[in-house]
N, C-alpha and C. Protein backbone atom coordinates (compact mmCIF):
# COMPACT_ATOMS: atom_id res chain seq x y z
N MET A 1 -27.79 10.04 -12.95
CA MET A 1 -26.67 9.72 -12.08
C MET A 1 -25.42 10.41 -12.64
N ALA A 2 -24.73 11.18 -11.80
CA ALA A 2 -23.48 11.84 -12.18
C ALA A 2 -22.38 11.30 -11.28
N LEU A 3 -21.50 10.52 -11.85
CA LEU A 3 -20.43 9.89 -11.08
C LEU A 3 -19.12 10.64 -11.27
N VAL A 4 -18.44 10.91 -10.16
CA VAL A 4 -17.12 11.54 -10.19
C VAL A 4 -16.19 10.73 -9.31
N ILE A 5 -14.90 10.97 -9.46
CA ILE A 5 -13.90 10.34 -8.59
C ILE A 5 -13.38 11.42 -7.66
N THR A 6 -13.41 11.13 -6.35
CA THR A 6 -13.02 12.12 -5.35
C THR A 6 -12.42 11.45 -4.13
N ASN A 7 -11.78 12.26 -3.30
CA ASN A 7 -11.36 11.81 -1.98
C ASN A 7 -12.12 12.58 -0.92
N GLY A 8 -13.14 13.33 -1.36
CA GLY A 8 -13.93 14.15 -0.46
C GLY A 8 -13.52 15.61 -0.50
N GLU A 9 -12.34 15.87 -1.02
CA GLU A 9 -11.84 17.24 -1.11
C GLU A 9 -11.47 17.61 -2.54
N TYR A 10 -10.80 16.69 -3.23
CA TYR A 10 -10.37 16.93 -4.60
C TYR A 10 -11.10 15.98 -5.56
N TYR A 11 -11.16 16.39 -6.82
CA TYR A 11 -11.83 15.62 -7.85
C TYR A 11 -10.87 15.39 -9.01
N VAL A 12 -11.12 14.33 -9.77
CA VAL A 12 -10.27 13.99 -10.91
C VAL A 12 -10.72 14.77 -12.14
N VAL A 13 -9.72 15.32 -12.84
CA VAL A 13 -9.93 16.08 -14.07
C VAL A 13 -8.98 15.51 -15.12
N PRO A 14 -9.46 15.18 -16.32
CA PRO A 14 -8.53 14.71 -17.36
C PRO A 14 -7.65 15.87 -17.85
N ASN A 15 -6.41 15.55 -18.22
CA ASN A 15 -5.56 16.59 -18.79
C ASN A 15 -5.35 16.33 -20.29
N LYS A 16 -4.69 17.24 -20.96
CA LYS A 16 -4.54 17.16 -22.42
C LYS A 16 -3.63 16.03 -22.88
N LYS A 17 -2.78 15.54 -21.97
CA LYS A 17 -1.84 14.48 -22.32
C LYS A 17 -2.43 13.09 -22.13
N GLY A 18 -3.69 13.02 -21.76
CA GLY A 18 -4.33 11.72 -21.55
C GLY A 18 -4.23 11.24 -20.11
N GLY A 19 -3.59 12.00 -19.27
CA GLY A 19 -3.46 11.65 -17.85
C GLY A 19 -4.56 12.30 -17.05
N ILE A 20 -4.29 12.51 -15.78
CA ILE A 20 -5.28 13.13 -14.91
C ILE A 20 -4.64 14.18 -14.02
N ASN A 21 -5.44 15.13 -13.61
CA ASN A 21 -5.05 16.13 -12.62
C ASN A 21 -6.12 16.12 -11.54
N LYS A 22 -5.88 16.90 -10.49
CA LYS A 22 -6.83 17.01 -9.39
C LYS A 22 -7.25 18.46 -9.24
N THR A 23 -8.51 18.66 -8.87
CA THR A 23 -9.04 20.00 -8.64
C THR A 23 -9.97 19.96 -7.43
N ASN A 24 -10.13 21.10 -6.78
CA ASN A 24 -11.08 21.14 -5.67
C ASN A 24 -12.41 21.74 -6.11
N ASP A 25 -12.56 22.00 -7.41
CA ASP A 25 -13.79 22.54 -7.97
C ASP A 25 -14.59 21.42 -8.64
N ILE A 26 -15.72 21.07 -8.05
CA ILE A 26 -16.52 19.94 -8.56
C ILE A 26 -17.04 20.19 -9.96
N THR A 27 -17.20 21.44 -10.34
CA THR A 27 -17.71 21.74 -11.69
C THR A 27 -16.70 21.39 -12.77
N GLU A 28 -15.42 21.26 -12.41
CA GLU A 28 -14.38 20.87 -13.36
C GLU A 28 -14.16 19.36 -13.41
N ALA A 29 -14.77 18.64 -12.48
CA ALA A 29 -14.54 17.20 -12.36
C ALA A 29 -15.03 16.44 -13.58
N GLN A 30 -14.30 15.37 -13.92
CA GLN A 30 -14.73 14.50 -15.01
C GLN A 30 -15.95 13.72 -14.54
N VAL A 31 -17.00 13.71 -15.35
CA VAL A 31 -18.22 12.98 -15.02
C VAL A 31 -18.22 11.67 -15.82
N PHE A 32 -18.50 10.57 -15.12
CA PHE A 32 -18.52 9.25 -15.74
C PHE A 32 -19.96 8.79 -15.91
N SER A 33 -20.22 8.07 -16.99
CA SER A 33 -21.57 7.62 -17.27
C SER A 33 -21.96 6.37 -16.48
N ASN A 34 -20.94 5.58 -16.06
CA ASN A 34 -21.25 4.40 -15.25
C ASN A 34 -20.10 4.09 -14.30
N VAL A 35 -20.41 3.28 -13.32
CA VAL A 35 -19.44 2.95 -12.27
C VAL A 35 -18.25 2.19 -12.84
N ASN A 36 -18.47 1.31 -13.80
CA ASN A 36 -17.38 0.51 -14.35
C ASN A 36 -16.32 1.38 -15.02
N THR A 37 -16.74 2.39 -15.76
CA THR A 37 -15.79 3.30 -16.41
C THR A 37 -14.97 4.05 -15.36
N ALA A 38 -15.65 4.54 -14.32
CA ALA A 38 -14.96 5.25 -13.25
C ALA A 38 -14.01 4.31 -12.51
N ALA A 39 -14.45 3.08 -12.27
CA ALA A 39 -13.61 2.11 -11.56
C ALA A 39 -12.36 1.77 -12.37
N GLU A 40 -12.49 1.70 -13.69
CA GLU A 40 -11.32 1.45 -14.54
C GLU A 40 -10.31 2.59 -14.43
N LYS A 41 -10.79 3.82 -14.38
CA LYS A 41 -9.92 4.98 -14.23
C LYS A 41 -9.19 4.91 -12.87
N LEU A 42 -9.94 4.55 -11.83
CA LEU A 42 -9.34 4.39 -10.50
C LEU A 42 -8.25 3.33 -10.52
N LYS A 43 -8.57 2.21 -11.15
CA LYS A 43 -7.62 1.09 -11.20
C LYS A 43 -6.37 1.48 -11.98
N LYS A 44 -6.55 2.21 -13.08
CA LYS A 44 -5.42 2.62 -13.93
C LYS A 44 -4.46 3.54 -13.18
N HIS A 45 -5.00 4.38 -12.30
CA HIS A 45 -4.19 5.37 -11.58
C HIS A 45 -4.21 5.13 -10.07
N LYS A 46 -4.26 3.85 -9.64
CA LYS A 46 -4.47 3.59 -8.22
C LYS A 46 -3.35 4.10 -7.32
N GLY A 47 -2.13 4.20 -7.80
CA GLY A 47 -1.07 4.78 -6.97
C GLY A 47 -1.29 6.27 -6.74
N TYR A 48 -1.68 6.97 -7.77
CA TYR A 48 -1.90 8.42 -7.71
C TYR A 48 -3.23 8.75 -7.02
N LEU A 49 -4.19 7.85 -7.15
CA LEU A 49 -5.53 8.10 -6.60
C LEU A 49 -5.80 7.28 -5.35
N LYS A 50 -4.78 7.09 -4.55
CA LYS A 50 -4.94 6.37 -3.28
C LYS A 50 -5.95 7.14 -2.43
N GLU A 51 -6.88 6.44 -1.81
CA GLU A 51 -7.93 7.02 -0.97
C GLU A 51 -9.02 7.72 -1.77
N TYR A 52 -9.04 7.58 -3.08
CA TYR A 52 -10.11 8.15 -3.89
C TYR A 52 -11.18 7.09 -4.12
N TYR A 53 -12.38 7.51 -4.43
CA TYR A 53 -13.50 6.60 -4.62
C TYR A 53 -14.48 7.22 -5.62
N VAL A 54 -15.40 6.38 -6.10
CA VAL A 54 -16.43 6.83 -7.02
C VAL A 54 -17.58 7.37 -6.19
N TRP A 55 -18.10 8.54 -6.59
CA TRP A 55 -19.17 9.18 -5.82
C TRP A 55 -20.29 9.60 -6.76
N ASP A 56 -21.51 9.23 -6.39
CA ASP A 56 -22.70 9.63 -7.14
C ASP A 56 -23.15 10.98 -6.60
N THR A 57 -22.95 12.05 -7.36
CA THR A 57 -23.26 13.40 -6.88
C THR A 57 -24.77 13.65 -6.81
N GLU A 58 -25.55 12.82 -7.48
CA GLU A 58 -27.00 13.00 -7.47
C GLU A 58 -27.71 12.01 -6.56
N GLY A 59 -26.93 11.19 -5.85
CA GLY A 59 -27.52 10.19 -4.97
C GLY A 59 -28.25 10.84 -3.81
N GLU A 60 -29.26 10.15 -3.32
CA GLU A 60 -30.06 10.71 -2.22
C GLU A 60 -29.24 10.84 -0.93
N THR A 61 -28.42 9.84 -0.65
CA THR A 61 -27.68 9.85 0.61
C THR A 61 -26.37 10.62 0.51
N MET A 62 -25.89 10.83 -0.70
CA MET A 62 -24.62 11.52 -0.93
C MET A 62 -23.46 10.84 -0.21
N GLN A 63 -23.56 9.53 -0.01
CA GLN A 63 -22.49 8.78 0.62
C GLN A 63 -21.53 8.26 -0.45
N PRO A 64 -20.24 8.24 -0.16
CA PRO A 64 -19.28 7.72 -1.14
C PRO A 64 -19.52 6.24 -1.40
N LYS A 65 -19.33 5.84 -2.64
CA LYS A 65 -19.45 4.45 -3.03
C LYS A 65 -18.05 3.94 -3.33
N ARG A 66 -17.50 3.18 -2.44
CA ARG A 66 -16.14 2.69 -2.61
C ARG A 66 -16.12 1.47 -3.51
N ILE A 67 -15.09 1.39 -4.31
CA ILE A 67 -14.88 0.26 -5.19
C ILE A 67 -13.91 -0.69 -4.48
N ARG A 68 -14.35 -1.90 -4.24
CA ARG A 68 -13.51 -2.89 -3.56
C ARG A 68 -12.75 -3.69 -4.60
N ILE A 69 -11.46 -3.79 -4.42
CA ILE A 69 -10.62 -4.55 -5.33
C ILE A 69 -10.69 -6.02 -4.91
N LYS A 70 -11.08 -6.87 -5.85
CA LYS A 70 -11.13 -8.30 -5.56
C LYS A 70 -9.71 -8.86 -5.61
N ARG A 71 -9.40 -9.64 -4.61
CA ARG A 71 -8.08 -10.26 -4.56
C ARG A 71 -8.18 -11.72 -4.94
N LYS A 72 -7.11 -12.22 -5.50
CA LYS A 72 -7.05 -13.65 -5.83
C LYS A 72 -6.86 -14.46 -4.56
N HIS A 73 -7.34 -15.66 -4.59
CA HIS A 73 -7.07 -16.61 -3.52
C HIS A 73 -6.06 -17.61 -4.07
N PHE A 74 -4.92 -17.69 -3.41
CA PHE A 74 -3.85 -18.55 -3.89
C PHE A 74 -3.99 -19.94 -3.29
N SER A 75 -3.73 -20.94 -4.09
CA SER A 75 -3.90 -22.33 -3.68
C SER A 75 -2.89 -22.74 -2.61
N GLN A 76 -3.18 -23.84 -1.97
CA GLN A 76 -2.26 -24.38 -0.95
C GLN A 76 -0.91 -24.71 -1.58
N GLU A 77 -0.92 -25.18 -2.83
CA GLU A 77 0.34 -25.53 -3.51
C GLU A 77 1.21 -24.28 -3.69
N VAL A 78 0.61 -23.18 -4.09
CA VAL A 78 1.35 -21.93 -4.26
C VAL A 78 1.86 -21.45 -2.91
N ARG A 79 1.02 -21.52 -1.90
CA ARG A 79 1.43 -21.10 -0.56
C ARG A 79 2.60 -21.95 -0.06
N LYS A 80 2.54 -23.26 -0.28
CA LYS A 80 3.63 -24.15 0.15
C LYS A 80 4.92 -23.83 -0.60
N LEU A 81 4.80 -23.57 -1.89
CA LEU A 81 5.98 -23.22 -2.69
C LEU A 81 6.64 -21.94 -2.17
N LEU A 82 5.83 -20.92 -1.90
CA LEU A 82 6.37 -19.66 -1.37
C LEU A 82 7.00 -19.87 0.00
N TYR A 83 6.37 -20.69 0.83
CA TYR A 83 6.89 -20.99 2.16
C TYR A 83 8.25 -21.68 2.06
N GLN A 84 8.36 -22.63 1.14
CA GLN A 84 9.63 -23.35 0.95
C GLN A 84 10.71 -22.41 0.41
N GLN A 85 10.35 -21.54 -0.52
CA GLN A 85 11.32 -20.59 -1.08
C GLN A 85 11.84 -19.64 0.00
N ALA A 86 10.98 -19.30 0.96
CA ALA A 86 11.37 -18.41 2.05
C ALA A 86 12.05 -19.17 3.18
N GLU A 87 12.20 -20.47 3.02
CA GLU A 87 12.79 -21.33 4.04
C GLU A 87 12.09 -21.19 5.38
N GLY A 88 10.77 -20.95 5.33
CA GLY A 88 9.95 -20.86 6.53
C GLY A 88 10.23 -19.63 7.38
N LYS A 89 10.77 -18.58 6.76
CA LYS A 89 11.11 -17.36 7.51
C LYS A 89 10.31 -16.17 6.98
N CYS A 90 9.95 -15.28 7.88
CA CYS A 90 9.27 -14.04 7.52
C CYS A 90 10.23 -13.19 6.68
N ALA A 91 9.74 -12.67 5.58
CA ALA A 91 10.57 -11.85 4.69
C ALA A 91 10.91 -10.49 5.30
N LEU A 92 10.17 -10.07 6.33
CA LEU A 92 10.41 -8.75 6.90
C LEU A 92 11.28 -8.79 8.16
N CYS A 93 11.09 -9.78 9.02
CA CYS A 93 11.89 -9.82 10.25
C CYS A 93 12.85 -11.00 10.32
N GLY A 94 12.67 -11.98 9.44
CA GLY A 94 13.56 -13.14 9.43
C GLY A 94 13.23 -14.22 10.44
N LYS A 95 12.18 -14.02 11.22
CA LYS A 95 11.77 -14.98 12.24
C LYS A 95 11.23 -16.25 11.59
N LYS A 96 11.58 -17.39 12.17
CA LYS A 96 11.07 -18.68 11.71
C LYS A 96 9.59 -18.76 12.05
N ILE A 97 8.76 -19.11 11.07
CA ILE A 97 7.32 -19.23 11.30
C ILE A 97 6.84 -20.57 10.75
N THR A 98 5.76 -21.06 11.31
CA THR A 98 5.17 -22.30 10.81
C THR A 98 4.31 -21.97 9.59
N PHE A 99 3.98 -23.00 8.86
CA PHE A 99 3.13 -22.81 7.68
C PHE A 99 1.78 -22.22 8.08
N ASP A 100 1.24 -22.65 9.21
CA ASP A 100 -0.05 -22.15 9.68
C ASP A 100 0.02 -20.68 10.11
N GLU A 101 1.16 -20.23 10.58
CA GLU A 101 1.33 -18.83 11.01
C GLU A 101 1.57 -17.89 9.83
N MET A 102 1.96 -18.44 8.71
CA MET A 102 2.36 -17.66 7.55
C MET A 102 1.19 -16.87 6.95
N GLU A 103 1.49 -15.64 6.53
CA GLU A 103 0.56 -14.83 5.75
C GLU A 103 1.27 -14.41 4.48
N LEU A 104 0.49 -14.23 3.43
CA LEU A 104 1.06 -13.74 2.18
C LEU A 104 0.92 -12.23 2.14
N ASP A 105 2.01 -11.58 1.81
CA ASP A 105 2.05 -10.11 1.76
C ASP A 105 2.37 -9.70 0.33
N HIS A 106 1.67 -8.70 -0.17
CA HIS A 106 2.00 -8.13 -1.48
C HIS A 106 3.19 -7.19 -1.29
N ILE A 107 4.29 -7.48 -1.94
CA ILE A 107 5.50 -6.67 -1.81
C ILE A 107 5.19 -5.23 -2.19
N ILE A 108 4.66 -5.02 -3.37
CA ILE A 108 4.12 -3.72 -3.77
C ILE A 108 2.62 -3.84 -3.54
N PRO A 109 2.08 -3.11 -2.57
CA PRO A 109 0.66 -3.26 -2.25
C PRO A 109 -0.25 -3.02 -3.46
N ILE A 110 -1.34 -3.74 -3.52
CA ILE A 110 -2.30 -3.59 -4.60
C ILE A 110 -2.78 -2.14 -4.67
N SER A 111 -3.00 -1.54 -3.51
CA SER A 111 -3.49 -0.15 -3.47
C SER A 111 -2.46 0.84 -4.00
N MET A 112 -1.21 0.41 -4.13
CA MET A 112 -0.16 1.28 -4.66
C MET A 112 0.25 0.87 -6.07
N GLY A 113 -0.58 0.06 -6.71
CA GLY A 113 -0.32 -0.32 -8.10
C GLY A 113 0.34 -1.66 -8.28
N GLY A 114 0.54 -2.41 -7.20
CA GLY A 114 1.15 -3.73 -7.30
C GLY A 114 0.21 -4.75 -7.90
N ALA A 115 0.78 -5.77 -8.50
CA ALA A 115 -0.01 -6.83 -9.13
C ALA A 115 -0.44 -7.86 -8.09
N ASP A 116 -1.60 -8.43 -8.30
CA ASP A 116 -2.09 -9.51 -7.44
C ASP A 116 -1.64 -10.82 -8.06
N GLU A 117 -0.33 -10.99 -8.14
CA GLU A 117 0.29 -12.15 -8.78
C GLU A 117 1.33 -12.77 -7.85
N VAL A 118 1.68 -14.02 -8.10
CA VAL A 118 2.63 -14.76 -7.26
C VAL A 118 3.97 -14.03 -7.19
N GLU A 119 4.40 -13.40 -8.29
CA GLU A 119 5.69 -12.70 -8.33
C GLU A 119 5.73 -11.52 -7.37
N ASN A 120 4.58 -11.04 -6.93
CA ASN A 120 4.51 -9.88 -6.04
C ASN A 120 4.17 -10.29 -4.62
N LEU A 121 4.39 -11.55 -4.29
CA LEU A 121 4.06 -12.05 -2.95
C LEU A 121 5.31 -12.42 -2.18
N GLN A 122 5.22 -12.27 -0.86
CA GLN A 122 6.27 -12.74 0.03
C GLN A 122 5.61 -13.32 1.28
N VAL A 123 6.34 -14.16 1.98
CA VAL A 123 5.86 -14.80 3.19
C VAL A 123 6.16 -13.91 4.38
N CYS A 124 5.16 -13.68 5.23
CA CYS A 124 5.35 -12.82 6.40
C CYS A 124 4.66 -13.42 7.62
N CYS A 125 5.14 -12.99 8.78
CA CYS A 125 4.41 -13.30 10.00
C CYS A 125 3.29 -12.27 10.14
N MET A 126 2.26 -12.61 10.87
CA MET A 126 1.09 -11.75 10.98
C MET A 126 1.40 -10.36 11.54
N PRO A 127 2.19 -10.24 12.63
CA PRO A 127 2.45 -8.89 13.16
C PRO A 127 3.15 -7.97 12.14
N ASP A 128 4.12 -8.50 11.42
CA ASP A 128 4.83 -7.68 10.44
C ASP A 128 3.94 -7.32 9.26
N ASN A 129 3.13 -8.28 8.82
CA ASN A 129 2.22 -8.01 7.70
C ASN A 129 1.22 -6.92 8.08
N ARG A 130 0.73 -6.95 9.31
CA ARG A 130 -0.22 -5.93 9.77
C ARG A 130 0.48 -4.57 9.89
N TYR A 131 1.71 -4.59 10.38
CA TYR A 131 2.44 -3.34 10.56
C TYR A 131 2.79 -2.71 9.21
N LYS A 132 3.23 -3.54 8.27
CA LYS A 132 3.58 -3.02 6.94
C LYS A 132 2.35 -2.47 6.24
N ALA A 133 1.23 -3.13 6.39
CA ALA A 133 -0.04 -2.71 5.80
C ALA A 133 0.12 -2.47 4.31
N ASN A 134 -0.20 -1.27 3.84
CA ASN A 134 -0.15 -1.02 2.39
C ASN A 134 0.88 0.06 2.06
N ILE A 135 2.09 -0.10 2.59
CA ILE A 135 3.14 0.85 2.23
C ILE A 135 4.19 0.15 1.38
N LEU A 136 4.89 0.93 0.61
CA LEU A 136 5.92 0.40 -0.28
C LEU A 136 7.12 -0.11 0.53
N PRO A 137 7.87 -1.06 -0.01
CA PRO A 137 9.02 -1.61 0.72
C PRO A 137 10.02 -0.55 1.20
N THR A 138 10.30 0.45 0.37
CA THR A 138 11.26 1.49 0.79
C THR A 138 10.70 2.32 1.94
N ASP A 139 9.40 2.61 1.89
CA ASP A 139 8.77 3.36 2.98
C ASP A 139 8.77 2.55 4.26
N PHE A 140 8.53 1.24 4.14
CA PHE A 140 8.55 0.35 5.30
C PHE A 140 9.95 0.32 5.91
N PHE A 141 10.97 0.19 5.06
CA PHE A 141 12.35 0.19 5.54
C PHE A 141 12.68 1.49 6.27
N ASN A 142 12.29 2.61 5.68
CA ASN A 142 12.55 3.90 6.32
C ASN A 142 11.85 4.03 7.66
N ARG A 143 10.62 3.55 7.74
CA ARG A 143 9.85 3.62 8.98
C ARG A 143 10.52 2.78 10.07
N ILE A 144 10.91 1.56 9.73
CA ILE A 144 11.57 0.68 10.68
C ILE A 144 12.90 1.29 11.12
N SER A 145 13.64 1.86 10.19
CA SER A 145 14.92 2.50 10.52
C SER A 145 14.72 3.66 11.48
N ASP A 146 13.72 4.48 11.22
CA ASP A 146 13.43 5.62 12.10
C ASP A 146 13.08 5.15 13.51
N ILE A 147 12.27 4.10 13.60
CA ILE A 147 11.88 3.57 14.91
C ILE A 147 13.11 3.03 15.64
N PHE A 148 13.93 2.27 14.93
CA PHE A 148 15.12 1.69 15.54
C PHE A 148 16.05 2.79 16.06
N LEU A 149 16.34 3.78 15.22
CA LEU A 149 17.24 4.85 15.63
C LEU A 149 16.68 5.63 16.82
N TYR A 150 15.41 5.92 16.80
CA TYR A 150 14.79 6.67 17.90
C TYR A 150 14.88 5.88 19.21
N GLN A 151 14.55 4.60 19.17
CA GLN A 151 14.58 3.78 20.38
C GLN A 151 16.01 3.61 20.91
N MET A 152 16.95 3.44 20.02
CA MET A 152 18.34 3.31 20.45
C MET A 152 18.86 4.63 21.01
N ASP A 153 18.49 5.75 20.40
CA ASP A 153 18.88 7.05 20.92
C ASP A 153 18.33 7.26 22.34
N LYS A 154 17.09 6.86 22.55
CA LYS A 154 16.48 6.99 23.88
C LYS A 154 17.24 6.17 24.92
N LYS A 155 17.60 4.96 24.53
CA LYS A 155 18.21 4.04 25.49
C LYS A 155 19.71 4.29 25.69
N TYR A 156 20.42 4.64 24.62
CA TYR A 156 21.88 4.74 24.69
C TYR A 156 22.42 6.11 24.27
N LYS A 157 21.66 7.17 24.47
CA LYS A 157 22.06 8.48 23.94
C LYS A 157 23.43 8.95 24.41
N ASP A 158 23.87 8.57 25.60
CA ASP A 158 25.16 9.04 26.11
C ASP A 158 26.30 8.03 25.92
N ASP A 159 26.01 6.89 25.34
CA ASP A 159 27.01 5.83 25.16
C ASP A 159 27.81 6.10 23.89
N ILE A 160 29.13 6.22 24.04
CA ILE A 160 30.01 6.54 22.91
C ILE A 160 29.97 5.44 21.85
N ARG A 161 29.76 4.19 22.27
CA ARG A 161 29.68 3.09 21.30
C ARG A 161 28.46 3.25 20.40
N TRP A 162 27.34 3.67 20.99
CA TRP A 162 26.14 3.89 20.18
C TRP A 162 26.33 5.08 19.24
N LYS A 163 26.98 6.13 19.71
CA LYS A 163 27.22 7.29 18.85
C LYS A 163 28.05 6.90 17.63
N TYR A 164 29.04 6.04 17.84
CA TYR A 164 29.87 5.56 16.74
C TYR A 164 29.02 4.70 15.78
N CYS A 165 28.26 3.77 16.34
CA CYS A 165 27.42 2.90 15.52
C CYS A 165 26.37 3.70 14.76
N ARG A 166 25.80 4.67 15.42
CA ARG A 166 24.77 5.51 14.77
C ARG A 166 25.38 6.24 13.57
N GLY A 167 26.59 6.76 13.74
CA GLY A 167 27.26 7.43 12.63
C GLY A 167 27.48 6.51 11.45
N MET A 168 27.87 5.27 11.75
CA MET A 168 28.08 4.28 10.69
C MET A 168 26.76 3.95 9.99
N ILE A 169 25.71 3.79 10.77
CA ILE A 169 24.40 3.49 10.20
C ILE A 169 23.92 4.63 9.32
N MET A 170 24.11 5.85 9.78
CA MET A 170 23.64 7.02 9.01
C MET A 170 24.37 7.11 7.66
N GLU A 171 25.61 6.68 7.61
CA GLU A 171 26.34 6.69 6.34
C GLU A 171 25.73 5.70 5.37
N LEU A 172 25.21 4.59 5.89
CA LEU A 172 24.60 3.57 5.04
C LEU A 172 23.23 4.00 4.54
N LEU A 173 22.53 4.75 5.36
CA LEU A 173 21.18 5.17 4.98
C LEU A 173 21.29 6.33 4.03
């Protein structure tokens, strides 16, 4: 069994500084002796190796073997505490939500190197949590800002009040 880390196009190669580089030449790829060692490398560099997986190059099916990150299940007490701290409001849109509607969102997504800990959780409504998915807070903010500006431009492009407001907003961004 010859295990490598790939995204289907590039492969992981160790560098002299103890880090990793990427190459499109499979002969240069780092070969791992077992899945656990490869999974540890993936976990260590999960922000840089987003969409990468462990692949058995000698496998009969040649199908990628994805490593699934196990998530913690937080108790009802922790969920209630987070809900109370958020005053029952979604952290992304500010809408009042019931405890049953609440979802826990990782502020820094696990796939981007965030911790699966209470300190990295926020209360969200389901639509916002699904929309944010696994992007960083700054990327989410930029995406929402782009959508807002585009929609307002479409609706009020000739309105002088919007042009003034847009200029003020652009100074803040």
